[in-house]
């Protein structure tokens, strides 16, 4: 397996959760990581800021860059891309991890929340990809990895939360289209999604609390799976909708128990799988 040593990753939503776990996994290999996120000062309900994430990245052996960015705004994303290129000389990989969630039905979804989910999830993914592609085209093994689910038009994945599903599937449609569009240039575009729920602040605060966290896996399973995908050859590994545990099993990992928050607990399936 190739290494991420010396590679530059731009990761959205990397101040906490899955994004930070991917950043730290790359940092342990000596990667450069641009932490693209909004949290500049501590949030009362959410752990971590761009600055604490950078400190952890550097403690893990990588080089970090704090890019305070709301990915809904083109000028802010452009500034983050320019900062990253100026600091590290280019961009090798983009991880579109930032996401907004609200699991409400149509009538109960306020339009400001609808706009937030579409703006962060779908538009933000498209925008970050658009602005990184010119730099990725100059990289040796360029990847775009979206933290988004496999496309499945079964109505059960829509009926309880149409707006959220549309927003996440928008990220996955970027994979479908961009993988084909960018194939000749050698830029891989893939999706990665967890088989089970992952113990993040969103799960704790919005989706089930301590009991759900206890029946989840740690973000490190997604980080290890992302590492495996990002170190594959970009020309032969593109257009895939990967599931974390399937990626790891293909890499020869047979014991997934170490990823469980509570050893032996019955795990909860994530959405869309």
C-alpha atoms as a PDB file:
ATOM      1  CA  UNK A   1       0.000   0.000   0.000  1.00  0.00           C
ATOM      2  CA  UNK A   2       1.249   3.478  -0.853  1.00  0.00           C
ATOM      3  CA  UNK A   3       1.815   6.129   1.801  1.00  0.00           C
ATOM      4  CA  UNK A   4       0.334   9.587   2.297  1.00  0.00           C
ATOM      5  CA  UNK A   5       3.703  10.958   3.423  1.00  0.00           C
ATOM      6  CA  UNK A   6       4.175  14.419   1.939  1.00  0.00           C
ATOM      7  CA  UNK A   7       0.704  14.418   0.359  1.00  0.00           C
ATOM      8  CA  UNK A   8      -1.600  17.387   0.878  1.00  0.00           C
ATOM      9  CA  UNK A   9      -5.216  16.758   1.844  1.00  0.00           C
ATOM     10  CA  UNK A  10      -7.929  19.391   2.015  1.00  0.00           C
ATOM     11  CA  UNK A  11     -10.629  18.058   4.344  1.00  0.00           C
ATOM     12  CA  UNK A  12     -13.911  19.856   4.968  1.00  0.00           C
ATOM     13  CA  UNK A  13     -15.521  19.574   8.380  1.00  0.00           C
ATOM     14  CA  UNK A  14     -12.195  18.381   9.814  1.00  0.00           C
ATOM     15  CA  UNK A  15     -12.430  20.105  13.209  1.00  0.00           C
ATOM     16  CA  UNK A  16     -14.219  17.104  14.739  1.00  0.00           C
ATOM     17  CA  UNK A  17     -15.737  13.688  14.113  1.00  0.00           C
ATOM     18  CA  UNK A  18     -15.053  11.668  10.979  1.00  0.00           C
ATOM     19  CA  UNK A  19     -13.262  14.524   9.241  1.00  0.00           C
ATOM     20  CA  UNK A  20     -10.787  14.950  12.091  1.00  0.00           C
ATOM     21  CA  UNK A  21     -10.245  11.196  12.343  1.00  0.00           C
ATOM     22  CA  UNK A  22      -9.320  11.075   8.644  1.00  0.00           C
ATOM     23  CA  UNK A  23      -7.017  14.054   9.160  1.00  0.00           C
ATOM     24  CA  UNK A  24      -5.230  12.372  12.070  1.00  0.00           C
ATOM     25  CA  UNK A  25      -4.857   9.082  10.152  1.00  0.00           C
ATOM     26  CA  UNK A  26      -3.190  10.985   7.325  1.00  0.00           C
ATOM     27  CA  UNK A  27      -1.067  12.993   9.767  1.00  0.00           C
ATOM     28  CA  UNK A  28       0.393   9.826  11.262  1.00  0.00           C
ATOM     29  CA  UNK A  29       1.820   9.131   7.793  1.00  0.00           C
ATOM     30  CA  UNK A  30       3.378  12.593   7.616  1.00  0.00           C
ATOM     31  CA  UNK A  31       0.719  14.243   5.436  1.00  0.00           C
ATOM     32  CA  UNK A  32      -0.152  17.914   5.178  1.00  0.00           C
ATOM     33  CA  UNK A  33      -3.764  18.641   6.114  1.00  0.00           C
ATOM     34  CA  UNK A  34      -5.826  21.754   5.480  1.00  0.00           C
ATOM     35  CA  UNK A  35      -8.570  21.813   8.118  1.00  0.00           C
ATOM     36  CA  UNK A  36     -11.491  23.533   6.390  1.00  0.00           C
ATOM     37  CA  UNK A  37     -14.235  24.255   8.919  1.00  0.00           C
ATOM     38  CA  UNK A  38     -16.244  27.073  10.487  1.00  0.00           C
ATOM     39  CA  UNK A  39     -15.430  26.649  14.176  1.00  0.00           C
ATOM     40  CA  UNK A  40     -12.856  29.289  15.076  1.00  0.00           C
ATOM     41  CA  UNK A  41     -13.669  29.541  18.803  1.00  0.00           C
ATOM     42  CA  UNK A  42     -15.054  26.786  21.067  1.00  0.00           C
ATOM     43  CA  UNK A  43     -18.722  25.907  20.522  1.00  0.00           C
ATOM     44  CA  UNK A  44     -20.866  25.392  23.646  1.00  0.00           C
ATOM     45  CA  UNK A  45     -22.234  22.041  22.427  1.00  0.00           C
ATOM     46  CA  UNK A  46     -19.603  20.759  19.995  1.00  0.00           C
ATOM     47  CA  UNK A  47     -16.014  19.716  20.675  1.00  0.00           C
ATOM     48  CA  UNK A  48     -13.013  21.114  18.842  1.00  0.00           C
ATOM     49  CA  UNK A  49     -12.045  24.030  16.618  1.00  0.00           C
ATOM     50  CA  UNK A  50      -9.904  24.339  13.510  1.00  0.00           C
ATOM     51  CA  UNK A  51      -7.033  25.324  15.813  1.00  0.00           C
ATOM     52  CA  UNK A  52      -7.310  22.348  18.168  1.00  0.00           C
ATOM     53  CA  UNK A  53      -7.539  20.038  15.147  1.00  0.00           C
ATOM     54  CA  UNK A  54      -4.356  21.527  13.679  1.00  0.00           C
ATOM     55  CA  UNK A  55      -2.601  21.055  17.020  1.00  0.00           C
ATOM     56  CA  UNK A  56      -3.612  17.381  17.078  1.00  0.00           C
ATOM     57  CA  UNK A  57      -2.507  16.916  13.462  1.00  0.00           C
ATOM     58  CA  UNK A  58       0.926  18.317  14.232  1.00  0.00           C
ATOM     59  CA  UNK A  59       1.222  16.246  17.410  1.00  0.00           C
ATOM     60  CA  UNK A  60       0.456  13.161  15.292  1.00  0.00           C
ATOM     61  CA  UNK A  61       3.335  13.902  12.928  1.00  0.00           C
ATOM     62  CA  UNK A  62       1.726  15.882  10.130  1.00  0.00           C
ATOM     63  CA  UNK A  63       1.564  19.530   9.137  1.00  0.00           C
ATOM     64  CA  UNK A  64      -1.720  21.351   9.652  1.00  0.00           C
ATOM     65  CA  UNK A  65      -3.300  24.496   8.296  1.00  0.00           C
ATOM     66  CA  UNK A  66      -6.345  26.181   9.822  1.00  0.00           C
ATOM     67  CA  UNK A  67      -8.744  27.444   7.134  1.00  0.00           C
ATOM     68  CA  UNK A  68     -11.767  29.064   8.771  1.00  0.00           C
ATOM     69  CA  UNK A  69     -14.341  28.534   6.049  1.00  0.00           C
ATOM     70  CA  UNK A  70     -18.076  28.304   5.469  1.00  0.00           C
ATOM     71  CA  UNK A  71     -18.160  26.124   2.364  1.00  0.00           C
ATOM     72  CA  UNK A  72     -21.443  27.663   1.229  1.00  0.00           C
ATOM     73  CA  UNK A  73     -19.524  30.747   0.115  1.00  0.00           C
ATOM     74  CA  UNK A  74     -17.354  30.614  -2.988  1.00  0.00           C
ATOM     75  CA  UNK A  75     -14.942  33.351  -1.944  1.00  0.00           C
ATOM     76  CA  UNK A  76     -14.231  31.585   1.354  1.00  0.00           C
ATOM     77  CA  UNK A  77     -13.575  28.242  -0.331  1.00  0.00           C
ATOM     78  CA  UNK A  78     -11.376  29.932  -2.925  1.00  0.00           C
ATOM     79  CA  UNK A  79      -9.384  31.527  -0.109  1.00  0.00           C
ATOM     80  CA  UNK A  80      -8.967  28.150   1.635  1.00  0.00           C
ATOM     81  CA  UNK A  81      -7.744  26.535  -1.584  1.00  0.00           C
ATOM     82  CA  UNK A  82      -5.293  29.373  -2.182  1.00  0.00           C
ATOM     83  CA  UNK A  83      -4.041  29.192   1.432  1.00  0.00           C
ATOM     84  CA  UNK A  84      -3.474  25.449   1.069  1.00  0.00           C
ATOM     85  CA  UNK A  85      -1.563  25.751  -2.197  1.00  0.00           C
ATOM     86  CA  UNK A  86       0.540  28.597  -0.820  1.00  0.00           C
ATOM     87  CA  UNK A  87       1.399  26.627   2.327  1.00  0.00           C
ATOM     88  CA  UNK A  88       2.012  23.191   0.847  1.00  0.00           C
ATOM     89  CA  UNK A  89       2.609  23.707  -2.879  1.00  0.00           C
ATOM     90  CA  UNK A  90      -0.503  21.983  -4.200  1.00  0.00           C
ATOM     91  CA  UNK A  91      -3.449  19.725  -3.373  1.00  0.00           C
ATOM     92  CA  UNK A  92      -3.313  15.955  -3.812  1.00  0.00           C
ATOM     93  CA  UNK A  93      -6.613  14.932  -2.273  1.00  0.00           C
ATOM     94  CA  UNK A  94      -9.962  16.449  -1.352  1.00  0.00           C
ATOM     95  CA  UNK A  95     -12.219  14.886   1.269  1.00  0.00           C
ATOM     96  CA  UNK A  96     -15.752  16.309   1.153  1.00  0.00           C
ATOM     97  CA  UNK A  97     -16.845  15.453   4.671  1.00  0.00           C
ATOM     98  CA  UNK A  98     -18.715  18.573   5.891  1.00  0.00           C
ATOM     99  CA  UNK A  99     -22.420  17.927   6.231  1.00  0.00           C
ATOM    100  CA  UNK A 100     -25.595  19.321   7.777  1.00  0.00           C
ATOM    101  CA  UNK A 101     -28.415  17.101   8.976  1.00  0.00           C
ATOM    102  CA  UNK A 102     -32.033  17.446  10.075  1.00  0.00           C
ATOM    103  CA  UNK A 103     -34.281  14.403  10.011  1.00  0.00           C
ATOM    104  CA  UNK A 104     -37.695  16.005   9.566  1.00  0.00           C
ATOM    105  CA  UNK A 105     -40.568  15.469   7.163  1.00  0.00           C
ATOM    106  CA  UNK A 106     -41.528  17.915   4.457  1.00  0.00           C
ATOM    107  CA  UNK A 107     -43.986  20.052   6.443  1.00  0.00           C
ATOM    108  CA  UNK A 108     -41.709  20.226   9.483  1.00  0.00           C
ATOM    109  CA  UNK A 109     -38.566  21.213   7.570  1.00  0.00           C
ATOM    110  CA  UNK A 110     -38.001  24.951   7.714  1.00  0.00           C
ATOM    111  CA  UNK A 111     -36.702  26.365   4.463  1.00  0.00           C
ATOM    112  CA  UNK A 112     -33.638  27.805   6.187  1.00  0.00           C
ATOM    113  CA  UNK A 113     -32.739  24.260   7.240  1.00  0.00           C
ATOM    114  CA  UNK A 114     -33.483  22.954   3.735  1.00  0.00           C
ATOM    115  CA  UNK A 115     -31.179  25.630   2.313  1.00  0.00           C
ATOM    116  CA  UNK A 116     -28.491  24.844   4.882  1.00  0.00           C
ATOM    117  CA  UNK A 117     -28.455  21.128   4.025  1.00  0.00           C
ATOM    118  CA  UNK A 118     -28.430  21.723   0.273  1.00  0.00           C
ATOM    119  CA  UNK A 119     -25.856  24.493   0.648  1.00  0.00           C
ATOM    120  CA  UNK A 120     -23.404  22.540   2.789  1.00  0.00           C
ATOM    121  CA  UNK A 121     -23.896  18.999   1.541  1.00  0.00           C
ATOM    122  CA  UNK A 122     -24.548  19.216  -2.178  1.00  0.00           C
ATOM    123  CA  UNK A 123     -23.472  22.725  -3.187  1.00  0.00           C
ATOM    124  CA  UNK A 124     -20.481  22.732  -0.840  1.00  0.00           C
ATOM    125  CA  UNK A 125     -19.265  19.413  -2.220  1.00  0.00           C
ATOM    126  CA  UNK A 126     -19.667  20.617  -5.798  1.00  0.00           C
ATOM    127  CA  UNK A 127     -17.963  23.928  -5.052  1.00  0.00           C
ATOM    128  CA  UNK A 128     -14.977  22.440  -3.224  1.00  0.00           C
ATOM    129  CA  UNK A 129     -14.518  19.903  -6.005  1.00  0.00           C
ATOM    130  CA  UNK A 130     -14.774  22.556  -8.711  1.00  0.00           C
ATOM    131  CA  UNK A 131     -12.099  24.736  -7.105  1.00  0.00           C
ATOM    132  CA  UNK A 132      -9.732  21.876  -6.228  1.00  0.00           C
ATOM    133  CA  UNK A 133      -9.833  20.083  -9.597  1.00  0.00           C
ATOM    134  CA  UNK A 134      -7.329  22.406 -11.337  1.00  0.00           C
ATOM    135  CA  UNK A 135      -4.811  21.599  -8.583  1.00  0.00           C
ATOM    136  CA  UNK A 136      -5.677  17.899  -8.446  1.00  0.00           C
ATOM    137  CA  UNK A 137      -4.952  17.671 -12.163  1.00  0.00           C
ATOM    138  CA  UNK A 138      -1.295  18.369 -11.343  1.00  0.00           C
ATOM    139  CA  UNK A 139      -1.068  15.740  -8.584  1.00  0.00           C
ATOM    140  CA  UNK A 140       0.518  12.301  -8.973  1.00  0.00           C
ATOM    141  CA  UNK A 141      -2.336  10.246  -7.483  1.00  0.00           C
ATOM    142  CA  UNK A 142      -5.295  12.617  -7.097  1.00  0.00           C
ATOM    143  CA  UNK A 143      -8.441  11.655  -5.241  1.00  0.00           C
ATOM    144  CA  UNK A 144     -11.779  13.193  -4.328  1.00  0.00           C
ATOM    145  CA  UNK A 145     -13.548  11.276  -1.573  1.00  0.00           C
ATOM    146  CA  UNK A 146     -17.102  12.199  -0.574  1.00  0.00           C
ATOM    147  CA  UNK A 147     -18.499  10.985   2.744  1.00  0.00           C
ATOM    148  CA  UNK A 148     -21.848  10.103   1.234  1.00  0.00           C
ATOM    149  CA  UNK A 149     -24.038   7.031   0.802  1.00  0.00           C
ATOM    150  CA  UNK A 150     -24.617   4.616  -2.064  1.00  0.00           C
ATOM    151  CA  UNK A 151     -27.465   5.759  -4.296  1.00  0.00           C
ATOM    152  CA  UNK A 152     -30.635   3.798  -3.607  1.00  0.00           C
ATOM    153  CA  UNK A 153     -34.044   4.982  -4.780  1.00  0.00           C
ATOM    154  CA  UNK A 154     -36.032   2.820  -2.361  1.00  0.00           C
ATOM    155  CA  UNK A 155     -38.674   5.226  -0.959  1.00  0.00           C
ATOM    156  CA  UNK A 156     -37.913   4.104   2.605  1.00  0.00           C
ATOM    157  CA  UNK A 157     -34.760   6.233   2.508  1.00  0.00           C
ATOM    158  CA  UNK A 158     -36.763   9.320   1.547  1.00  0.00           C
ATOM    159  CA  UNK A 159     -40.096   9.225   3.336  1.00  0.00           C
ATOM    160  CA  UNK A 160     -39.005  10.403   6.783  1.00  0.00           C
ATOM    161  CA  UNK A 161     -36.494  13.043   5.718  1.00  0.00           C
ATOM    162  CA  UNK A 162     -36.828  14.008   2.073  1.00  0.00           C
ATOM    163  CA  UNK A 163     -34.687  17.140   2.362  1.00  0.00           C
ATOM    164  CA  UNK A 164     -31.763  15.403   4.082  1.00  0.00           C
ATOM    165  CA  UNK A 165     -31.793  12.482   1.659  1.00  0.00           C
ATOM    166  CA  UNK A 166     -31.804  14.844  -1.304  1.00  0.00           C
ATOM    167  CA  UNK A 167     -28.820  16.687   0.148  1.00  0.00           C
ATOM    168  CA  UNK A 168     -26.759  13.551   0.841  1.00  0.00           C
ATOM    169  CA  UNK A 169     -27.681  11.933  -2.466  1.00  0.00           C
ATOM    170  CA  UNK A 170     -26.591  15.161  -4.143  1.00  0.00           C
ATOM    171  CA  UNK A 171     -23.099  14.458  -2.813  1.00  0.00           C
ATOM    172  CA  UNK A 172     -23.294  10.929  -4.188  1.00  0.00           C
ATOM    173  CA  UNK A 173     -24.499  12.162  -7.569  1.00  0.00           C
ATOM    174  CA  UNK A 174     -21.340  14.286  -7.680  1.00  0.00           C
ATOM    175  CA  UNK A 175     -19.407  11.018  -7.405  1.00  0.00           C
ATOM    176  CA  UNK A 176     -21.413   9.405 -10.185  1.00  0.00           C
ATOM    177  CA  UNK A 177     -20.969  12.315 -12.566  1.00  0.00           C
ATOM    178  CA  UNK A 178     -17.483  13.551 -11.703  1.00  0.00           C
ATOM    179  CA  UNK A 179     -15.939  10.073 -11.774  1.00  0.00           C
ATOM    180  CA  UNK A 180     -16.984   9.772 -15.403  1.00  0.00           C
ATOM    181  CA  UNK A 181     -16.124  13.382 -16.218  1.00  0.00           C
ATOM    182  CA  UNK A 182     -12.638  13.205 -14.706  1.00  0.00           C
ATOM    183  CA  UNK A 183     -11.669   9.656 -15.667  1.00  0.00           C
ATOM    184  CA  UNK A 184      -9.395  10.717 -18.515  1.00  0.00           C
ATOM    185  CA  UNK A 185      -7.531  13.138 -16.267  1.00  0.00           C
ATOM    186  CA  UNK A 186      -6.840  10.381 -13.742  1.00  0.00           C
ATOM    187  CA  UNK A 187      -8.656  11.986 -10.817  1.00  0.00           C
ATOM    188  CA  UNK A 188     -10.431   9.360  -8.726  1.00  0.00           C
ATOM    189  CA  UNK A 189     -13.860  10.280  -7.349  1.00  0.00           C
ATOM    190  CA  UNK A 190     -15.364   7.884  -4.817  1.00  0.00           C
ATOM    191  CA  UNK A 191     -17.842   7.794  -1.936  1.00  0.00           C
ATOM    192  CA  UNK A 192     -17.383   6.235   1.488  1.00  0.00           C
ATOM    193  CA  UNK A 193     -20.166   5.495   3.964  1.00  0.00           C
ATOM    194  CA  UNK A 194     -20.348   3.632   7.287  1.00  0.00           C
ATOM    195  CA  UNK A 195     -22.163   0.348   7.707  1.00  0.00           C
ATOM    196  CA  UNK A 196     -23.076   1.278  11.291  1.00  0.00           C
ATOM    197  CA  UNK A 197     -23.681   4.515  13.113  1.00  0.00           C
ATOM    198  CA  UNK A 198     -20.516   6.368  14.067  1.00  0.00           C
ATOM    199  CA  UNK A 199     -19.954   7.948  17.474  1.00  0.00           C
ATOM    200  CA  UNK A 200     -19.885  11.657  16.633  1.00  0.00           C
ATOM    201  CA  UNK A 201     -21.257  14.822  18.178  1.00  0.00           C
ATOM    202  CA  UNK A 202     -24.132  14.760  15.671  1.00  0.00           C
ATOM    203  CA  UNK A 203     -25.145  11.294  16.820  1.00  0.00           C
ATOM    204  CA  UNK A 204     -24.927  12.335  20.456  1.00  0.00           C
ATOM    205  CA  UNK A 205     -26.819  15.612  20.099  1.00  0.00           C
ATOM    206  CA  UNK A 206     -29.325  14.903  17.332  1.00  0.00           C
ATOM    207  CA  UNK A 207     -29.765  11.222  16.625  1.00  0.00           C
ATOM    208  CA  UNK A 208     -30.107   9.191  19.773  1.00  0.00           C
ATOM    209  CA  UNK A 209     -27.829  10.339  22.553  1.00  0.00           C
ATOM    210  CA  UNK A 210     -25.686   8.156  24.788  1.00  0.00           C
ATOM    211  CA  UNK A 211     -27.500   4.895  23.999  1.00  0.00           C
ATOM    212  CA  UNK A 212     -26.950   5.316  20.265  1.00  0.00           C
ATOM    213  CA  UNK A 213     -23.290   6.213  20.835  1.00  0.00           C
ATOM    214  CA  UNK A 214     -22.840   3.079  22.941  1.00  0.00           C
ATOM    215  CA  UNK A 215     -24.102   0.975  20.001  1.00  0.00           C
ATOM    216  CA  UNK A 216     -21.856   2.637  17.439  1.00  0.00           C
ATOM    217  CA  UNK A 217     -18.368   2.367  16.052  1.00  0.00           C
ATOM    218  CA  UNK A 218     -15.586   4.898  16.528  1.00  0.00           C
ATOM    219  CA  UNK A 219     -14.742   7.374  13.755  1.00  0.00           C
ATOM    220  CA  UNK A 220     -11.404   5.578  13.317  1.00  0.00           C
ATOM    221  CA  UNK A 221     -13.085   2.889  11.203  1.00  0.00           C
ATOM    222  CA  UNK A 222     -13.980   5.513   8.625  1.00  0.00           C
ATOM    223  CA  UNK A 223     -10.474   6.999   8.867  1.00  0.00           C
ATOM    224  CA  UNK A 224      -8.795   3.659   8.208  1.00  0.00           C
ATOM    225  CA  UNK A 225     -11.151   2.924   5.323  1.00  0.00           C
ATOM    226  CA  UNK A 226     -10.564   6.393   3.853  1.00  0.00           C
ATOM    227  CA  UNK A 227      -6.807   5.847   4.102  1.00  0.00           C
ATOM    228  CA  UNK A 228      -7.140   2.575   2.203  1.00  0.00           C
ATOM    229  CA  UNK A 229      -9.125   4.240  -0.590  1.00  0.00           C
ATOM    230  CA  UNK A 230      -6.889   7.314  -0.849  1.00  0.00           C
ATOM    231  CA  UNK A 231      -3.755   5.203  -1.215  1.00  0.00           C
ATOM    232  CA  UNK A 232      -5.150   3.197  -4.136  1.00  0.00           C
ATOM    233  CA  UNK A 233      -4.276   4.008  -7.731  1.00  0.00           C
ATOM    234  CA  UNK A 234      -6.522   6.852  -8.820  1.00  0.00           C
ATOM    235  CA  UNK A 235      -6.834   5.646 -12.421  1.00  0.00           C
ATOM    236  CA  UNK A 236      -8.105   2.195 -11.468  1.00  0.00           C
ATOM    237  CA  UNK A 237     -10.141   3.075  -8.368  1.00  0.00           C
ATOM    238  CA  UNK A 238     -12.904   5.527  -9.247  1.00  0.00           C
ATOM    239  CA  UNK A 239     -16.683   5.737  -9.365  1.00  0.00           C
ATOM    240  CA  UNK A 240     -17.163   3.474  -6.338  1.00  0.00           C
ATOM    241  CA  UNK A 241     -19.626   3.704  -3.460  1.00  0.00           C
ATOM    242  CA  UNK A 242     -17.606   2.107  -0.708  1.00  0.00           C
ATOM    243  CA  UNK A 243     -18.810   0.853   2.692  1.00  0.00           C
ATOM    244  CA  UNK A 244     -16.211   1.194   5.450  1.00  0.00           C
ATOM    245  CA  UNK A 245     -16.122  -2.374   6.722  1.00  0.00           C
ATOM    246  CA  UNK A 246     -16.078  -3.820   3.190  1.00  0.00           C
ATOM    247  CA  UNK A 247     -13.034  -1.692   2.346  1.00  0.00           C
ATOM    248  CA  UNK A 248     -11.195  -2.918   5.431  1.00  0.00           C
ATOM    249  CA  UNK A 249     -12.085  -6.551   4.848  1.00  0.00           C
ATOM    250  CA  UNK A 250     -10.719  -6.233   1.315  1.00  0.00           C
ATOM    251  CA  UNK A 251      -7.493  -4.979   2.917  1.00  0.00           C
ATOM    252  CA  UNK A 252      -7.309  -8.107   5.077  1.00  0.00           C
ATOM    253  CA  UNK A 253      -8.760  -6.682   8.302  1.00  0.00           C
ATOM    254  CA  UNK A 254     -10.817  -9.481   9.840  1.00  0.00           C
ATOM    255  CA  UNK A 255     -11.395  -8.232  13.382  1.00  0.00           C
ATOM    256  CA  UNK A 256     -13.554  -5.122  13.518  1.00  0.00           C
ATOM    257  CA  UNK A 257     -14.334  -5.368  17.245  1.00  0.00           C
ATOM    258  CA  UNK A 258     -11.655  -2.828  18.147  1.00  0.00           C
ATOM    259  CA  UNK A 259     -13.737  -0.147  16.402  1.00  0.00           C
ATOM    260  CA  UNK A 260     -16.785  -0.655  18.659  1.00  0.00           C
ATOM    261  CA  UNK A 261     -17.447   1.959  21.326  1.00  0.00           C
ATOM    262  CA  UNK A 262     -18.811  -0.794  23.554  1.00  0.00           C
ATOM    263  CA  UNK A 263     -17.216  -4.195  22.943  1.00  0.00           C
ATOM    264  CA  UNK A 264     -19.873  -6.814  22.285  1.00  0.00           C
ATOM    265  CA  UNK A 265     -22.763  -4.355  21.967  1.00  0.00           C
ATOM    266  CA  UNK A 266     -25.323  -4.821  19.188  1.00  0.00           C
ATOM    267  CA  UNK A 267     -24.433  -2.249  16.537  1.00  0.00           C
ATOM    268  CA  UNK A 268     -26.950   0.086  14.924  1.00  0.00           C
ATOM    269  CA  UNK A 269     -27.159   0.167  11.137  1.00  0.00           C
ATOM    270  CA  UNK A 270     -26.594   3.583   9.585  1.00  0.00           C
ATOM    271  CA  UNK A 271     -29.000   5.227   7.142  1.00  0.00           C
ATOM    272  CA  UNK A 272     -28.997   4.174   3.487  1.00  0.00           C
ATOM    273  CA  UNK A 273     -27.474   0.710   4.020  1.00  0.00           C
END
